[in-house]
Structure formats: structure tokens, C-alpha cells
């Protein structure tokens, strides 16, 4: 299996594209989804990504629309349809047969059973703040951050009824950004600015328990199988998840510009 890190030049001078190899995977769509548990296991993305892949479709946020592309032929994406969404949606994340969208005003859940026609099911609104979202075991994890004295916290949301998501718990944070759940659904990794990359035990999904903190100021993080990829403004840092705390493996730096991997496509 190959992992292709597709990079998009979103307000950056130079984006980073990586190509690496890994062993076979047995992940499925009912797993943690912390790194993008997709319906057919076709893609992995970070929590701050503005695009994702599920089945034969690529979904990209475009102002107040969700643009779909048919990628049956990967090298010739075919514009498919547009779905009207809230104007302040900033991130998109796939979980089982749903699309979770993080907006400055709240979180939106879309039914994606029909990959060509996602439709809104429910939402949970909050005070204005940035809010990347991931999900695992019928619970969504949302980081809220604000520069204006507002909320800086990690929210745990019960999404067992996607038409009525319910806030379960909030944990105070310094200035949280991206986050990711492990493939087995037992761990949550949260980028908390200069406070570091924090690991929480979520074996009880309603009660994240602090475990470790790595000294890295990251913007987003992707947990995939036994590896953890932390994205800073200038580096892609790789960790081994078979140890606690995660062990540093490598640091990659582009020759110039900023690092912003957006989507990872898995080719079996």
C-alpha cells in the first residue's frame, strides 16, 4: 500500500508533497476515523483539511458550497455537483457514513450514505470560534479556539443520534488547533499551541484523560496505524505510536514556504 500526501497551496508559498511506503492495512469504515475513517478506506486527512475523499468522490469546501468531484478516474476529476452549506464552514472530516463539518458557529453532520448526494442531518452551535472536528466511537471531538477572549477548549459531543448531537463535556485548553484519534479509537492527539502536542486516553470516549505531552507546536496532526504525523508551520514531524510517549522518528522540512498536507490517498 502506498500513502500519497497530496498538498494544496492554501495561502502558502510552497506546499509539501511526500511519497512513502507502508505495510498492509486492515482498517475499515467503522473504526476510529481519527485520521479520516472513510467508507471505502480510500483516504486519510487531517482535522483542518478543507477537502476529503470518500468512495469515488472528492469533497472540497468552496465558500458556501460543498463541491463534489467524481474521481473514478483519479487523474481526471470530474466536477459532479454542489451542495449548499453554511458560509462559515472551515473544515470537513469523514466518519463512517457521515461528513462532519466544523464551522466558526458550530458543527454540522451530513448523511453521506449516498456518496454522490450528502444531506444535512443535524448540528450543534456554539460561540464563535475556530473548530476542527474528528470522531471516534459515536463521539465527536472538537477544539474551539479564539483570539478575542472566547472559548479555548476541547469539546466532547455525543453523535450516536446524528440528528441531535449533544455536548457531553468540555476541557479547558490553551489555544487548541488540529486533532486526531488513533486507529484503535483509544487515544486522542491534540495540538495545543506552545503547550505542546497532548495525548488523551479516550478508551472511555466521554472522558478524555491526559496521558502524555510532546514538546512540539503543531497546527494539525494525523494518526494513521502506528505512526503519528505532526504538521507545524515549517515541518512534518513523524512519531512512532508503539511507544508511550510517542517516539520521534524523523523531521522533514521543505526548502522554502510552509508545510500544509491536506489529503492522504491510500492506493492498495
C-alpha atoms as a PDB file:
ATOM      1  CA  UNK A   1       0.000   0.000   0.000  1.00  0.00           C
ATOM      2  CA  UNK A   2       1.225   3.494  -0.775  1.00  0.00           C
ATOM      3  CA  UNK A   3       0.443   6.705   1.032  1.00  0.00           C
ATOM      4  CA  UNK A   4       0.349   9.818  -1.141  1.00  0.00           C
ATOM      5  CA  UNK A   5       0.338  13.085   0.743  1.00  0.00           C
ATOM      6  CA  UNK A   6      -1.494  15.446  -1.556  1.00  0.00           C
ATOM      7  CA  UNK A   7      -0.559  19.007  -0.699  1.00  0.00           C
ATOM      8  CA  UNK A   8      -2.549  22.086  -1.608  1.00  0.00           C
ATOM      9  CA  UNK A   9      -1.067  25.571  -1.800  1.00  0.00           C
ATOM     10  CA  UNK A  10      -3.526  27.292   0.512  1.00  0.00           C
ATOM     11  CA  UNK A  11      -2.039  30.686   1.369  1.00  0.00           C
ATOM     12  CA  UNK A  12       1.455  29.227   1.316  1.00  0.00           C
ATOM     13  CA  UNK A  13       4.473  29.931  -0.838  1.00  0.00           C
ATOM     14  CA  UNK A  14       5.375  26.298  -1.345  1.00  0.00           C
ATOM     15  CA  UNK A  15       3.445  23.177  -0.397  1.00  0.00           C
ATOM     16  CA  UNK A  16       4.923  19.831   0.515  1.00  0.00           C
ATOM     17  CA  UNK A  17       4.314  16.591  -1.369  1.00  0.00           C
ATOM     18  CA  UNK A  18       5.508  13.327   0.101  1.00  0.00           C
ATOM     19  CA  UNK A  19       5.597   9.775  -1.118  1.00  0.00           C
ATOM     20  CA  UNK A  20       6.307   6.952   1.300  1.00  0.00           C
ATOM     21  CA  UNK A  21       5.591   3.260   1.693  1.00  0.00           C
ATOM     22  CA  UNK A  22       3.995   1.290   4.486  1.00  0.00           C
ATOM     23  CA  UNK A  23       2.722  -2.187   5.194  1.00  0.00           C
ATOM     24  CA  UNK A  24      -0.747  -3.503   4.527  1.00  0.00           C
ATOM     25  CA  UNK A  25      -3.630  -2.085   6.494  1.00  0.00           C
ATOM     26  CA  UNK A  26      -6.806  -3.711   7.769  1.00  0.00           C
ATOM     27  CA  UNK A  27      -8.645  -0.548   8.767  1.00  0.00           C
ATOM     28  CA  UNK A  28     -12.358  -0.239   7.971  1.00  0.00           C
ATOM     29  CA  UNK A  29     -15.021   2.418   7.920  1.00  0.00           C
ATOM     30  CA  UNK A  30     -16.345   1.596  11.369  1.00  0.00           C
ATOM     31  CA  UNK A  31     -13.073   2.302  13.133  1.00  0.00           C
ATOM     32  CA  UNK A  32     -11.935   5.409  14.924  1.00  0.00           C
ATOM     33  CA  UNK A  33     -11.914   7.635  11.920  1.00  0.00           C
ATOM     34  CA  UNK A  34      -9.495   9.892  13.743  1.00  0.00           C
ATOM     35  CA  UNK A  35      -7.388  10.103  10.641  1.00  0.00           C
ATOM     36  CA  UNK A  36     -10.318  10.013   8.321  1.00  0.00           C
ATOM     37  CA  UNK A  37     -12.152   6.676   8.599  1.00  0.00           C
ATOM     38  CA  UNK A  38     -13.665   6.614   5.134  1.00  0.00           C
ATOM     39  CA  UNK A  39     -16.385   4.457   3.726  1.00  0.00           C
ATOM     40  CA  UNK A  40     -14.034   2.532   1.453  1.00  0.00           C
ATOM     41  CA  UNK A  41     -10.810   3.332   3.278  1.00  0.00           C
ATOM     42  CA  UNK A  42      -9.685   5.444   0.325  1.00  0.00           C
ATOM     43  CA  UNK A  43      -8.352   8.500   2.081  1.00  0.00           C
ATOM     44  CA  UNK A  44      -6.884   9.949   5.224  1.00  0.00           C
ATOM     45  CA  UNK A  45      -6.921  13.623   6.081  1.00  0.00           C
ATOM     46  CA  UNK A  46      -6.168  15.996   8.903  1.00  0.00           C
ATOM     47  CA  UNK A  47      -8.817  17.707  11.011  1.00  0.00           C
ATOM     48  CA  UNK A  48      -8.111  21.138   9.494  1.00  0.00           C
ATOM     49  CA  UNK A  49      -8.416  19.955   5.891  1.00  0.00           C
ATOM     50  CA  UNK A  50     -10.842  21.710   3.556  1.00  0.00           C
ATOM     51  CA  UNK A  51     -11.201  18.646   1.355  1.00  0.00           C
ATOM     52  CA  UNK A  52     -11.626  14.922   1.836  1.00  0.00           C
ATOM     53  CA  UNK A  53     -12.278  11.703  -0.070  1.00  0.00           C
ATOM     54  CA  UNK A  54     -14.958   9.047   0.410  1.00  0.00           C
ATOM     55  CA  UNK A  55     -15.512   6.248  -2.053  1.00  0.00           C
ATOM     56  CA  UNK A  56     -15.253   7.596  -5.599  1.00  0.00           C
ATOM     57  CA  UNK A  57     -15.783  11.237  -4.628  1.00  0.00           C
ATOM     58  CA  UNK A  58     -13.639  14.153  -3.569  1.00  0.00           C
ATOM     59  CA  UNK A  59     -15.370  16.787  -1.421  1.00  0.00           C
ATOM     60  CA  UNK A  60     -13.985  20.332  -1.333  1.00  0.00           C
ATOM     61  CA  UNK A  61     -15.231  23.334   0.639  1.00  0.00           C
ATOM     62  CA  UNK A  62     -15.882  26.363  -1.551  1.00  0.00           C
ATOM     63  CA  UNK A  63     -17.323  29.318   0.393  1.00  0.00           C
ATOM     64  CA  UNK A  64     -20.994  28.430   0.981  1.00  0.00           C
ATOM     65  CA  UNK A  65     -20.883  25.274  -1.140  1.00  0.00           C
ATOM     66  CA  UNK A  66     -19.517  21.766  -0.903  1.00  0.00           C
ATOM     67  CA  UNK A  67     -18.108  20.900  -4.337  1.00  0.00           C
ATOM     68  CA  UNK A  68     -18.128  17.223  -5.281  1.00  0.00           C
ATOM     69  CA  UNK A  69     -15.795  15.660  -7.847  1.00  0.00           C
ATOM     70  CA  UNK A  70     -16.157  12.192  -9.326  1.00  0.00           C
ATOM     71  CA  UNK A  71     -12.669  10.652  -9.069  1.00  0.00           C
ATOM     72  CA  UNK A  72     -13.444   7.281 -10.604  1.00  0.00           C
ATOM     73  CA  UNK A  73     -10.608   8.259 -12.938  1.00  0.00           C
ATOM     74  CA  UNK A  74      -8.184   9.721 -10.349  1.00  0.00           C
ATOM     75  CA  UNK A  75      -6.086  11.702 -12.814  1.00  0.00           C
ATOM     76  CA  UNK A  76      -9.131  13.343 -14.409  1.00  0.00           C
ATOM     77  CA  UNK A  77     -11.501  14.533 -11.626  1.00  0.00           C
ATOM     78  CA  UNK A  78     -14.950  15.286 -12.983  1.00  0.00           C
ATOM     79  CA  UNK A  79     -16.918  18.131 -11.316  1.00  0.00           C
ATOM     80  CA  UNK A  80     -20.088  16.444 -10.090  1.00  0.00           C
ATOM     81  CA  UNK A  81     -22.416  18.652  -8.066  1.00  0.00           C
ATOM     82  CA  UNK A  82     -22.548  21.399  -5.439  1.00  0.00           C
ATOM     83  CA  UNK A  83     -24.307  21.199  -2.081  1.00  0.00           C
ATOM     84  CA  UNK A  84     -25.224  24.415  -0.288  1.00  0.00           C
ATOM     85  CA  UNK A  85     -23.742  24.610   3.224  1.00  0.00           C
ATOM     86  CA  UNK A  86     -23.253  27.253   5.922  1.00  0.00           C
ATOM     87  CA  UNK A  87     -20.935  30.068   4.817  1.00  0.00           C
ATOM     88  CA  UNK A  88     -18.655  29.748   7.847  1.00  0.00           C
ATOM     89  CA  UNK A  89     -17.759  26.057   7.401  1.00  0.00           C
ATOM     90  CA  UNK A  90     -13.966  25.741   7.552  1.00  0.00           C
ATOM     91  CA  UNK A  91     -13.142  22.029   7.874  1.00  0.00           C
ATOM     92  CA  UNK A  92     -14.540  18.710   6.694  1.00  0.00           C
ATOM     93  CA  UNK A  93     -13.970  15.257   8.165  1.00  0.00           C
ATOM     94  CA  UNK A  94     -15.421  11.849   7.167  1.00  0.00           C
ATOM     95  CA  UNK A  95     -16.675   9.418   9.799  1.00  0.00           C
ATOM     96  CA  UNK A  96     -18.368   6.152   8.833  1.00  0.00           C
ATOM     97  CA  UNK A  97     -21.250   7.191   6.530  1.00  0.00           C
ATOM     98  CA  UNK A  98     -21.178  10.830   7.645  1.00  0.00           C
ATOM     99  CA  UNK A  99     -19.364  14.051   6.876  1.00  0.00           C
ATOM    100  CA  UNK A 100     -18.593  16.235   9.904  1.00  0.00           C
ATOM    101  CA  UNK A 101     -18.096  19.908   9.139  1.00  0.00           C
ATOM    102  CA  UNK A 102     -16.524  22.369  11.535  1.00  0.00           C
ATOM    103  CA  UNK A 103     -17.677  25.979  11.307  1.00  0.00           C
ATOM    104  CA  UNK A 104     -16.938  29.078  13.347  1.00  0.00           C
ATOM    105  CA  UNK A 105     -20.529  28.868  14.602  1.00  0.00           C
ATOM    106  CA  UNK A 106     -20.756  25.128  15.275  1.00  0.00           C
ATOM    107  CA  UNK A 107     -20.521  21.560  13.972  1.00  0.00           C
ATOM    108  CA  UNK A 108     -22.686  20.152  11.174  1.00  0.00           C
ATOM    109  CA  UNK A 109     -23.372  16.474  10.442  1.00  0.00           C
ATOM    110  CA  UNK A 110     -24.218  15.310   6.916  1.00  0.00           C
ATOM    111  CA  UNK A 111     -25.512  11.891   5.913  1.00  0.00           C
ATOM    112  CA  UNK A 112     -23.120  10.546   3.272  1.00  0.00           C
ATOM    113  CA  UNK A 113     -24.651   7.117   2.744  1.00  0.00           C
ATOM    114  CA  UNK A 114     -25.205   8.158  -0.870  1.00  0.00           C
ATOM    115  CA  UNK A 115     -21.704   9.410  -1.612  1.00  0.00           C
ATOM    116  CA  UNK A 116     -22.947  11.496  -4.533  1.00  0.00           C
ATOM    117  CA  UNK A 117     -25.641  13.294  -2.519  1.00  0.00           C
ATOM    118  CA  UNK A 118     -24.694  14.279   1.058  1.00  0.00           C
ATOM    119  CA  UNK A 119     -27.537  15.832   3.056  1.00  0.00           C
ATOM    120  CA  UNK A 120     -27.640  17.673   6.376  1.00  0.00           C
ATOM    121  CA  UNK A 121     -28.861  15.723   9.411  1.00  0.00           C
ATOM    122  CA  UNK A 122     -28.082  17.819  12.472  1.00  0.00           C
ATOM    123  CA  UNK A 123     -25.907  20.491  14.033  1.00  0.00           C
ATOM    124  CA  UNK A 124     -24.630  21.780  17.350  1.00  0.00           C
ATOM    125  CA  UNK A 125     -23.994  25.515  17.564  1.00  0.00           C
ATOM    126  CA  UNK A 126     -21.574  27.312  19.886  1.00  0.00           C
ATOM    127  CA  UNK A 127     -19.995  30.719  20.451  1.00  0.00           C
ATOM    128  CA  UNK A 128     -17.921  31.988  17.530  1.00  0.00           C
ATOM    129  CA  UNK A 129     -14.584  30.117  17.468  1.00  0.00           C
ATOM    130  CA  UNK A 130     -12.393  28.022  15.170  1.00  0.00           C
ATOM    131  CA  UNK A 131     -13.405  24.373  15.471  1.00  0.00           C
ATOM    132  CA  UNK A 132     -11.708  21.409  13.754  1.00  0.00           C
ATOM    133  CA  UNK A 133     -13.549  18.144  14.395  1.00  0.00           C
ATOM    134  CA  UNK A 134     -12.783  14.396  14.389  1.00  0.00           C
ATOM    135  CA  UNK A 135     -14.833  11.422  15.590  1.00  0.00           C
ATOM    136  CA  UNK A 136     -14.493   8.004  17.192  1.00  0.00           C
ATOM    137  CA  UNK A 137     -16.959   5.539  18.732  1.00  0.00           C
ATOM    138  CA  UNK A 138     -20.055   7.686  18.260  1.00  0.00           C
ATOM    139  CA  UNK A 139     -18.395  10.741  19.784  1.00  0.00           C
ATOM    140  CA  UNK A 140     -17.045  13.836  18.058  1.00  0.00           C
ATOM    141  CA  UNK A 141     -14.100  15.771  19.453  1.00  0.00           C
ATOM    142  CA  UNK A 142     -13.984  19.470  18.647  1.00  0.00           C
ATOM    143  CA  UNK A 143     -11.319  22.026  19.527  1.00  0.00           C
ATOM    144  CA  UNK A 144     -12.524  25.594  19.982  1.00  0.00           C
ATOM    145  CA  UNK A 145     -10.042  28.452  19.917  1.00  0.00           C
ATOM    146  CA  UNK A 146     -10.495  32.190  19.998  1.00  0.00           C
ATOM    147  CA  UNK A 147      -8.208  35.228  19.862  1.00  0.00           C
ATOM    148  CA  UNK A 148     -10.769  37.526  21.442  1.00  0.00           C
ATOM    149  CA  UNK A 149     -11.098  36.110  24.948  1.00  0.00           C
ATOM    150  CA  UNK A 150     -13.603  33.469  23.891  1.00  0.00           C
ATOM    151  CA  UNK A 151     -13.530  29.703  24.314  1.00  0.00           C
ATOM    152  CA  UNK A 152     -10.274  27.738  24.171  1.00  0.00           C
ATOM    153  CA  UNK A 153     -11.363  24.196  24.916  1.00  0.00           C
ATOM    154  CA  UNK A 154     -11.847  20.603  23.805  1.00  0.00           C
ATOM    155  CA  UNK A 155     -15.495  19.589  23.481  1.00  0.00           C
ATOM    156  CA  UNK A 156     -16.777  16.007  23.592  1.00  0.00           C
ATOM    157  CA  UNK A 157     -20.030  15.561  21.665  1.00  0.00           C
ATOM    158  CA  UNK A 158     -22.302  12.505  21.593  1.00  0.00           C
ATOM    159  CA  UNK A 159     -23.244  11.862  17.950  1.00  0.00           C
ATOM    160  CA  UNK A 160     -24.950   8.483  18.444  1.00  0.00           C
ATOM    161  CA  UNK A 161     -28.078  10.296  17.228  1.00  0.00           C
ATOM    162  CA  UNK A 162     -26.674  12.357  14.335  1.00  0.00           C
ATOM    163  CA  UNK A 163     -29.882  14.365  14.110  1.00  0.00           C
ATOM    164  CA  UNK A 164     -29.384  15.603  17.667  1.00  0.00           C
ATOM    165  CA  UNK A 165     -25.686  15.890  18.656  1.00  0.00           C
ATOM    166  CA  UNK A 166     -25.281  16.593  22.373  1.00  0.00           C
ATOM    167  CA  UNK A 167     -22.426  18.225  24.278  1.00  0.00           C
ATOM    168  CA  UNK A 168     -21.072  15.782  26.893  1.00  0.00           C
ATOM    169  CA  UNK A 169     -18.038  17.541  28.321  1.00  0.00           C
ATOM    170  CA  UNK A 170     -15.619  20.458  27.824  1.00  0.00           C
ATOM    171  CA  UNK A 171     -11.945  20.553  28.830  1.00  0.00           C
ATOM    172  CA  UNK A 172     -10.016  23.817  29.101  1.00  0.00           C
ATOM    173  CA  UNK A 173      -7.072  24.204  26.712  1.00  0.00           C
ATOM    174  CA  UNK A 174      -4.516  26.929  25.979  1.00  0.00           C
ATOM    175  CA  UNK A 175      -5.018  27.523  22.233  1.00  0.00           C
ATOM    176  CA  UNK A 176      -6.031  24.218  20.593  1.00  0.00           C
ATOM    177  CA  UNK A 177      -5.770  23.580  16.866  1.00  0.00           C
ATOM    178  CA  UNK A 178      -5.924  20.289  14.964  1.00  0.00           C
ATOM    179  CA  UNK A 179      -6.537  16.866  16.492  1.00  0.00           C
ATOM    180  CA  UNK A 180      -6.698  13.187  15.567  1.00  0.00           C
ATOM    181  CA  UNK A 181      -7.891   9.909  17.077  1.00  0.00           C
ATOM    182  CA  UNK A 182      -5.828   6.728  16.882  1.00  0.00           C
ATOM    183  CA  UNK A 183      -6.836   3.904  14.568  1.00  0.00           C
ATOM    184  CA  UNK A 184      -7.983   1.785  17.529  1.00  0.00           C
ATOM    185  CA  UNK A 185     -10.023   4.661  18.979  1.00  0.00           C
ATOM    186  CA  UNK A 186      -8.255   4.571  22.351  1.00  0.00           C
ATOM    187  CA  UNK A 187      -6.146   7.727  22.016  1.00  0.00           C
ATOM    188  CA  UNK A 188      -6.740  11.334  21.032  1.00  0.00           C
ATOM    189  CA  UNK A 189      -3.931  13.681  19.970  1.00  0.00           C
ATOM    190  CA  UNK A 190      -4.479  17.433  20.266  1.00  0.00           C
ATOM    191  CA  UNK A 191      -2.245  20.275  19.057  1.00  0.00           C
ATOM    192  CA  UNK A 192      -2.350  22.885  21.841  1.00  0.00           C
ATOM    193  CA  UNK A 193       0.000  25.604  20.556  1.00  0.00           C
ATOM    194  CA  UNK A 194       3.075  26.180  22.772  1.00  0.00           C
ATOM    195  CA  UNK A 195       1.533  23.889  25.419  1.00  0.00           C
ATOM    196  CA  UNK A 196       2.556  21.037  23.116  1.00  0.00           C
ATOM    197  CA  UNK A 197       1.034  18.026  21.392  1.00  0.00           C
ATOM    198  CA  UNK A 198      -1.152  16.388  24.020  1.00  0.00           C
ATOM    199  CA  UNK A 199      -2.227  12.746  24.188  1.00  0.00           C
ATOM    200  CA  UNK A 200      -5.517  11.792  25.866  1.00  0.00           C
ATOM    201  CA  UNK A 201      -6.780   8.321  26.757  1.00  0.00           C
ATOM    202  CA  UNK A 202     -10.276   8.043  25.249  1.00  0.00           C
ATOM    203  CA  UNK A 203     -10.912   4.362  25.969  1.00  0.00           C
ATOM    204  CA  UNK A 204     -13.877   5.925  27.764  1.00  0.00           C
ATOM    205  CA  UNK A 205     -14.946   8.189  24.873  1.00  0.00           C
ATOM    206  CA  UNK A 206     -16.903  10.506  27.174  1.00  0.00           C
ATOM    207  CA  UNK A 207     -13.992  11.266  29.478  1.00  0.00           C
ATOM    208  CA  UNK A 208     -10.635  12.136  27.824  1.00  0.00           C
ATOM    209  CA  UNK A 209      -7.825  11.565  30.351  1.00  0.00           C
ATOM    210  CA  UNK A 210      -4.447  13.345  29.869  1.00  0.00           C
ATOM    211  CA  UNK A 211      -1.578  10.916  29.223  1.00  0.00           C
ATOM    212  CA  UNK A 212       1.492  12.477  27.547  1.00  0.00           C
ATOM    213  CA  UNK A 213       2.671  15.816  26.144  1.00  0.00           C
ATOM    214  CA  UNK A 214       5.222  16.241  23.347  1.00  0.00           C
ATOM    215  CA  UNK A 215       7.193  19.455  23.037  1.00  0.00           C
ATOM    216  CA  UNK A 216       6.077  20.425  19.530  1.00  0.00           C
ATOM    217  CA  UNK A 217       3.951  23.393  18.467  1.00  0.00           C
ATOM    218  CA  UNK A 218       1.832  21.864  15.708  1.00  0.00           C
ATOM    219  CA  UNK A 219      -1.114  23.051  13.657  1.00  0.00           C
ATOM    220  CA  UNK A 220      -2.573  19.674  12.790  1.00  0.00           C
ATOM    221  CA  UNK A 221      -1.859  16.023  13.443  1.00  0.00           C
ATOM    222  CA  UNK A 222      -2.698  12.752  11.693  1.00  0.00           C
ATOM    223  CA  UNK A 223      -2.642   9.367  13.437  1.00  0.00           C
ATOM    224  CA  UNK A 224      -2.512   6.508  10.940  1.00  0.00           C
ATOM    225  CA  UNK A 225      -1.895   2.925  12.005  1.00  0.00           C
ATOM    226  CA  UNK A 226       1.264   3.050  14.183  1.00  0.00           C
ATOM    227  CA  UNK A 227       2.526   6.446  13.016  1.00  0.00           C
ATOM    228  CA  UNK A 228       1.732   9.996  14.072  1.00  0.00           C
ATOM    229  CA  UNK A 229       2.347  12.917  11.709  1.00  0.00           C
ATOM    230  CA  UNK A 230       2.501  16.382  13.279  1.00  0.00           C
ATOM    231  CA  UNK A 231       2.336  19.360  10.929  1.00  0.00           C
ATOM    232  CA  UNK A 232       3.947  22.604  12.110  1.00  0.00           C
ATOM    233  CA  UNK A 233       4.276  25.785  10.067  1.00  0.00           C
ATOM    234  CA  UNK A 234       7.576  24.609   8.585  1.00  0.00           C
ATOM    235  CA  UNK A 235       7.959  20.887   9.275  1.00  0.00           C
ATOM    236  CA  UNK A 236       6.338  17.487   9.064  1.00  0.00           C
ATOM    237  CA  UNK A 237       7.363  15.541  12.183  1.00  0.00           C
ATOM    238  CA  UNK A 238       6.849  11.768  12.348  1.00  0.00           C
ATOM    239  CA  UNK A 239       6.424   9.755  15.571  1.00  0.00           C
ATOM    240  CA  UNK A 240       6.187   6.067  16.450  1.00  0.00           C
ATOM    241  CA  UNK A 241       2.945   5.264  18.283  1.00  0.00           C
ATOM    242  CA  UNK A 242       4.098   1.880  19.580  1.00  0.00           C
ATOM    243  CA  UNK A 243       5.815   3.649  22.487  1.00  0.00           C
ATOM    244  CA  UNK A 244       4.478   5.909  25.230  1.00  0.00           C
ATOM    245  CA  UNK A 245       5.106   8.754  24.884  1.00  0.00           C
ATOM    246  CA  UNK A 246       5.347   8.566  21.077  1.00  0.00           C
ATOM    247  CA  UNK A 247       8.972   8.305  19.892  1.00  0.00           C
ATOM    248  CA  UNK A 248      10.366  10.824  17.392  1.00  0.00           C
ATOM    249  CA  UNK A 249      11.261   9.191  14.067  1.00  0.00           C
ATOM    250  CA  UNK A 250      12.003  11.973  11.609  1.00  0.00           C
ATOM    251  CA  UNK A 251      11.568  15.634  10.739  1.00  0.00           C
ATOM    252  CA  UNK A 252      11.067  16.806   7.165  1.00  0.00           C
ATOM    253  CA  UNK A 253      11.437  20.407   6.041  1.00  0.00           C
ATOM    254  CA  UNK A 254      10.666  21.943   2.637  1.00  0.00           C
ATOM    255  CA  UNK A 255      13.328  24.118   1.048  1.00  0.00           C
ATOM    256  CA  UNK A 256      11.049  27.109   1.454  1.00  0.00           C
ATOM    257  CA  UNK A 257       7.494  28.021   2.387  1.00  0.00           C
ATOM    258  CA  UNK A 258       5.157  26.291   4.808  1.00  0.00           C
ATOM    259  CA  UNK A 259       4.038  22.706   5.261  1.00  0.00           C
ATOM    260  CA  UNK A 260       0.361  22.011   4.642  1.00  0.00           C
ATOM    261  CA  UNK A 261      -0.534  18.424   3.685  1.00  0.00           C
ATOM    262  CA  UNK A 262      -4.267  18.250   3.058  1.00  0.00           C
ATOM    263  CA  UNK A 263      -5.340  14.766   1.989  1.00  0.00           C
ATOM    264  CA  UNK A 264      -3.674  11.371   2.006  1.00  0.00           C
ATOM    265  CA  UNK A 265      -4.855   8.849  -0.590  1.00  0.00           C
ATOM    266  CA  UNK A 266      -4.262   5.161   0.026  1.00  0.00           C
ATOM    267  CA  UNK A 267      -3.656   3.062  -3.093  1.00  0.00           C
ATOM    268  CA  UNK A 268      -3.876  -0.647  -2.450  1.00  0.00           C
END
